[in-house]
Amino acid sequence: MRILLAEDDILLGEGLQEALALQGYVVEWYKDGVSTLHALEASDFDLLLLDLGLPRMDGMEVLARIRARQTPLPVLILTARDALDARVAGLDAGADDYLLKPFDLAELMARVRALTRRASGRPSNQLSIGRIVLDTGNHQVLCDGSPVVLSRREFLLLKELCMHAGHILSKSQLEESLYGWSEEVESNALEVHIHHLRKKLYPELIKTVRGVGYMVEGGPQP
């Protein structure tokens, strides 16, 4: 899952990027409003973490332009503006949630999970497909009732496939969900991850659609 982080505070931005990466998210970080808008025009994201006090273009203006384009991207505002009218203005402008600085990382992660669940129409963190149960909140996977240990990218890849169960995802789509723009990706890295998942879970879980991409069949059951 790809998150766009718009934050001009270097220390906070570095901390958030690292913390989110440890939770399995791919994070693209931008430090001003103009760059944030350009990134949104160039690529798809699953969530925007938006600071209001951005240079070059205020976060409220970024939000207004996003919603003027009818973009359904979930937006979580992160700001030190604690006045009630500022919070109301942000929500009225189209933000989905609002978190005041300083905040606890655990609360941020919970809100991120809640917003992504809401966007995907799922009421809980658990996905059940075939013989596996995947908990996106605790990063745990069960196969036939037994826990399976996956690497961070293996888990992220499995989650992406399961959240789009029944749909074919191309190699480029899957690579985009696993790696940031600045990361070098080996040509066979995705195939290696797919191989490991089939070996750790069961071979028929992930289907190869030759010349198109990969998929898991069926649909997730919450």
Protein backbone atom coordinates (compact mmCIF):
# COMPACT_ATOMS: atom_id res chain seq x y z
CA MET A 1 0.00 0.00 0.00
CA ARG A 2 1.35 3.40 -1.01
CA ILE A 3 1.14 6.46 1.21
CA LEU A 4 2.00 10.00 0.20
CA LEU A 5 3.41 11.98 3.12
CA ALA A 6 3.35 15.77 2.81
CA GLU A 7 5.39 17.19 5.72
CA ASP A 8 8.04 19.94 5.81
CA ASP A 9 9.41 19.11 9.26
CA ILE A 10 12.51 17.02 8.48
CA LEU A 11 12.76 15.18 11.79
CA LEU A 12 9.05 14.36 11.87
CA GLY A 13 9.03 13.36 8.21
CA GLU A 14 12.00 11.02 8.66
CA GLY A 15 10.41 9.46 11.73
CA LEU A 16 7.05 8.94 10.05
CA GLN A 17 8.58 7.51 6.89
CA GLU A 18 10.61 5.02 8.91
CA ALA A 19 7.72 4.05 11.20
CA LEU A 20 5.31 3.54 8.30
CA ALA A 21 7.89 1.53 6.35
CA LEU A 22 8.31 -0.78 9.35
CA GLN A 23 4.56 -1.40 9.20
CA GLY A 24 4.84 -2.48 5.57
CA TYR A 25 3.75 0.72 3.83
CA VAL A 26 5.55 2.22 0.84
CA VAL A 27 5.95 5.93 1.61
CA GLU A 28 6.68 8.77 -0.81
CA TRP A 29 7.63 11.90 1.14
CA TYR A 30 7.33 15.46 -0.16
CA LYS A 31 8.13 18.64 1.71
CA ASP A 32 5.95 21.24 -0.02
CA GLY A 33 2.48 21.56 -1.45
CA VAL A 34 3.44 21.97 -5.11
CA SER A 35 5.52 18.80 -5.15
CA THR A 36 2.71 16.97 -3.38
CA LEU A 37 0.22 17.91 -6.10
CA HIS A 38 2.66 16.93 -8.84
CA ALA A 39 3.16 13.52 -7.19
CA LEU A 40 -0.61 12.98 -7.01
CA GLU A 41 -0.92 13.80 -10.71
CA ALA A 42 1.90 11.43 -11.64
CA SER A 43 0.92 8.34 -9.65
CA ASP A 44 -1.77 6.63 -7.59
CA PHE A 45 -1.71 6.49 -3.80
CA ASP A 46 -3.90 4.81 -1.20
CA LEU A 47 -3.69 7.55 1.43
CA LEU A 48 -2.42 11.11 1.88
CA LEU A 49 -0.96 12.28 5.19
CA LEU A 50 -1.17 16.04 4.84
CA ASP A 51 0.44 18.75 6.95
CA LEU A 52 -1.38 22.08 6.69
CA GLY A 53 1.63 24.38 7.13
CA LEU A 54 3.45 23.45 3.91
CA PRO A 55 5.70 25.87 2.00
CA ARG A 56 4.98 26.90 -1.62
CA MET A 57 1.33 25.87 -1.22
CA ASP A 58 -0.63 25.57 2.01
CA GLY A 59 -2.08 22.19 2.88
CA MET A 60 -5.62 23.55 2.76
CA GLU A 61 -5.07 24.66 -0.83
CA VAL A 62 -3.67 21.23 -1.70
CA LEU A 63 -6.76 19.62 -0.18
CA ALA A 64 -9.10 21.98 -2.02
CA ARG A 65 -7.48 21.19 -5.37
CA ILE A 66 -7.61 17.45 -4.73
CA ARG A 67 -11.32 17.54 -3.95
CA ALA A 68 -12.06 19.91 -6.84
CA ARG A 69 -10.84 17.12 -9.13
CA GLN A 70 -13.25 14.68 -7.44
CA THR A 71 -10.29 12.57 -6.30
CA PRO A 72 -11.55 9.98 -3.76
CA LEU A 73 -8.14 9.64 -2.08
CA PRO A 74 -8.46 9.33 1.73
CA VAL A 75 -6.79 12.30 3.46
CA LEU A 76 -5.58 12.42 7.05
CA ILE A 77 -4.54 15.90 8.18
CA LEU A 78 -1.55 16.18 10.51
CA THR A 79 -1.16 19.65 11.96
CA ALA A 80 -0.32 21.76 14.98
CA ARG A 81 -3.29 24.07 14.30
CA ASP A 82 -5.43 23.13 17.28
CA ALA A 83 -8.14 25.80 17.01
CA LEU A 84 -11.61 24.36 16.56
CA ASP A 85 -12.32 26.43 13.45
CA ALA A 86 -9.15 25.09 11.79
CA ARG A 87 -10.23 21.50 12.44
CA VAL A 88 -13.74 22.18 11.17
CA ALA A 89 -12.37 23.93 8.06
CA GLY A 90 -10.14 20.96 7.25
CA LEU A 91 -12.95 18.45 7.56
CA ASP A 92 -15.35 20.65 5.60
CA ALA A 93 -12.74 21.00 2.86
CA GLY A 94 -12.78 17.23 2.37
CA ALA A 95 -10.36 15.69 4.86
CA ASP A 96 -11.39 12.28 6.17
CA ASP A 97 -9.71 12.61 9.56
CA TYR A 98 -7.67 15.03 11.65
CA LEU A 99 -4.76 14.39 14.02
CA LEU A 100 -3.13 17.08 16.14
CA LYS A 101 0.62 17.31 16.66
CA PRO A 102 2.23 16.00 18.74
CA PHE A 103 0.57 12.62 18.39
CA ASP A 104 1.30 9.05 19.40
CA LEU A 105 2.49 6.74 16.62
CA ALA A 106 0.13 4.00 17.75
CA GLU A 107 -2.84 6.33 17.29
CA LEU A 108 -1.59 7.40 13.86
CA MET A 109 -1.26 3.78 12.74
CA ALA A 110 -4.75 2.97 14.02
CA ARG A 111 -6.22 5.89 12.07
CA VAL A 112 -4.31 4.90 8.93
CA ARG A 113 -5.72 1.37 9.19
CA ALA A 114 -9.23 2.71 9.82
CA LEU A 115 -9.12 4.99 6.77
CA THR A 116 -7.81 2.29 4.47
CA ARG A 117 -10.45 -0.15 5.74
CA ARG A 118 -13.15 2.42 5.11
CA ALA A 119 -11.85 3.14 1.61
CA SER A 120 -11.85 -0.57 0.73
CA GLY A 121 -15.23 -1.24 2.34
CA ARG A 122 -13.84 -3.65 4.94
CA PRO A 123 -15.12 -3.45 8.55
CA SER A 124 -12.07 -5.16 10.11
CA ASN A 125 -8.34 -5.71 9.67
CA GLN A 126 -8.78 -9.38 8.75
CA LEU A 127 -8.97 -10.83 5.26
CA SER A 128 -9.93 -14.47 4.75
CA ILE A 129 -9.21 -15.99 1.35
CA GLY A 130 -8.96 -19.68 0.57
CA ARG A 131 -6.89 -21.36 3.26
CA ILE A 132 -5.33 -18.17 4.63
CA VAL A 133 -6.34 -15.47 7.09
CA LEU A 134 -4.39 -12.22 6.87
CA ASP A 135 -4.47 -9.61 9.65
CA THR A 136 -3.38 -6.27 8.18
CA GLY A 137 -3.23 -4.62 11.60
CA ASN A 138 -0.92 -7.10 13.33
CA HIS A 139 0.90 -8.25 10.18
CA GLN A 140 0.05 -11.86 10.91
CA VAL A 141 -0.82 -14.62 8.47
CA LEU A 142 -2.44 -17.98 9.20
CA CYS A 143 -2.50 -20.84 6.70
CA ASP A 144 -4.80 -23.72 7.63
CA GLY A 145 -4.88 -22.21 11.12
CA SER A 146 -1.09 -22.19 11.61
CA PRO A 147 1.01 -18.98 11.71
CA VAL A 148 3.32 -18.31 8.77
CA VAL A 149 6.33 -16.00 9.01
CA LEU A 150 6.67 -13.64 6.04
CA SER A 151 9.18 -10.91 5.27
CA ARG A 152 7.90 -7.33 5.13
CA ARG A 153 7.70 -7.31 1.34
CA GLU A 154 6.19 -10.78 1.18
CA PHE A 155 3.44 -9.65 3.53
CA LEU A 156 2.90 -6.42 1.58
CA LEU A 157 2.67 -8.34 -1.71
CA LEU A 158 0.24 -10.87 -0.25
CA LYS A 159 -1.91 -8.09 1.17
CA GLU A 160 -2.02 -6.28 -2.18
CA LEU A 161 -3.07 -9.44 -4.02
CA CYS A 162 -5.68 -10.36 -1.40
CA MET A 163 -7.19 -6.88 -1.26
CA HIS A 164 -7.68 -7.13 -5.03
CA ALA A 165 -8.72 -10.78 -5.05
CA GLY A 166 -10.42 -11.77 -8.26
CA HIS A 167 -8.54 -9.11 -10.23
CA ILE A 168 -5.33 -9.44 -12.21
CA LEU A 169 -2.54 -7.11 -11.10
CA SER A 170 0.30 -6.42 -13.51
CA LYS A 171 3.95 -6.72 -12.58
CA SER A 172 4.34 -2.93 -12.68
CA GLN A 173 1.31 -2.43 -10.40
CA LEU A 174 2.67 -4.87 -7.86
CA GLU A 175 6.19 -3.43 -7.99
CA GLU A 176 4.75 0.05 -7.43
CA SER A 177 3.01 -1.18 -4.28
CA LEU A 178 6.25 -2.72 -2.96
CA TYR A 179 8.91 -0.16 -3.79
CA GLY A 180 9.30 3.61 -3.60
CA TRP A 181 10.36 5.65 -6.62
CA SER A 182 13.91 6.03 -5.31
CA GLU A 183 14.47 2.29 -4.79
CA GLU A 184 16.21 0.14 -7.36
CA VAL A 185 14.26 -2.98 -8.22
CA GLU A 186 15.97 -6.09 -9.59
CA SER A 187 14.26 -7.47 -12.68
CA ASN A 188 13.25 -10.75 -11.05
CA ALA A 189 12.55 -9.46 -7.52
CA LEU A 190 8.76 -9.79 -7.83
CA GLU A 191 9.00 -13.33 -9.18
CA VAL A 192 11.22 -14.28 -6.23
CA HIS A 193 8.67 -12.94 -3.74
CA ILE A 194 5.86 -14.80 -5.54
CA HIS A 195 7.91 -18.02 -5.40
CA HIS A 196 8.50 -17.63 -1.65
CA LEU A 197 4.81 -16.97 -0.97
CA ARG A 198 3.75 -20.06 -2.89
CA LYS A 199 6.29 -22.15 -1.00
CA LYS A 200 5.36 -20.78 2.45
CA LEU A 201 1.59 -20.90 1.85
CA TYR A 202 0.35 -23.15 -0.95
CA PRO A 203 1.20 -23.11 -4.68
CA GLU A 204 -2.30 -22.66 -6.11
CA LEU A 205 -3.05 -19.54 -4.02
CA ILE A 206 -1.38 -17.16 -6.49
CA LYS A 207 -2.24 -17.63 -10.16
CA THR A 208 0.06 -16.53 -12.98
CA VAL A 209 -1.81 -15.01 -15.91
CA ARG A 210 0.79 -15.34 -18.62
CA GLY A 211 1.74 -12.07 -20.23
CA VAL A 212 -0.57 -10.09 -17.92
CA GLY A 213 0.27 -10.50 -14.23
CA TYR A 214 -0.80 -12.30 -11.06
CA MET A 215 -3.96 -12.77 -9.04
CA VAL A 216 -5.58 -14.67 -6.20
CA GLU A 217 -9.01 -16.00 -7.01
CA GLY A 218 -12.22 -15.30 -5.14
CA GLY A 219 -12.91 -12.33 -2.92
CA PRO A 220 -11.90 -11.38 0.61
CA GLN A 221 -14.32 -12.21 3.40
CA PRO A 222 -14.09 -9.74 6.37
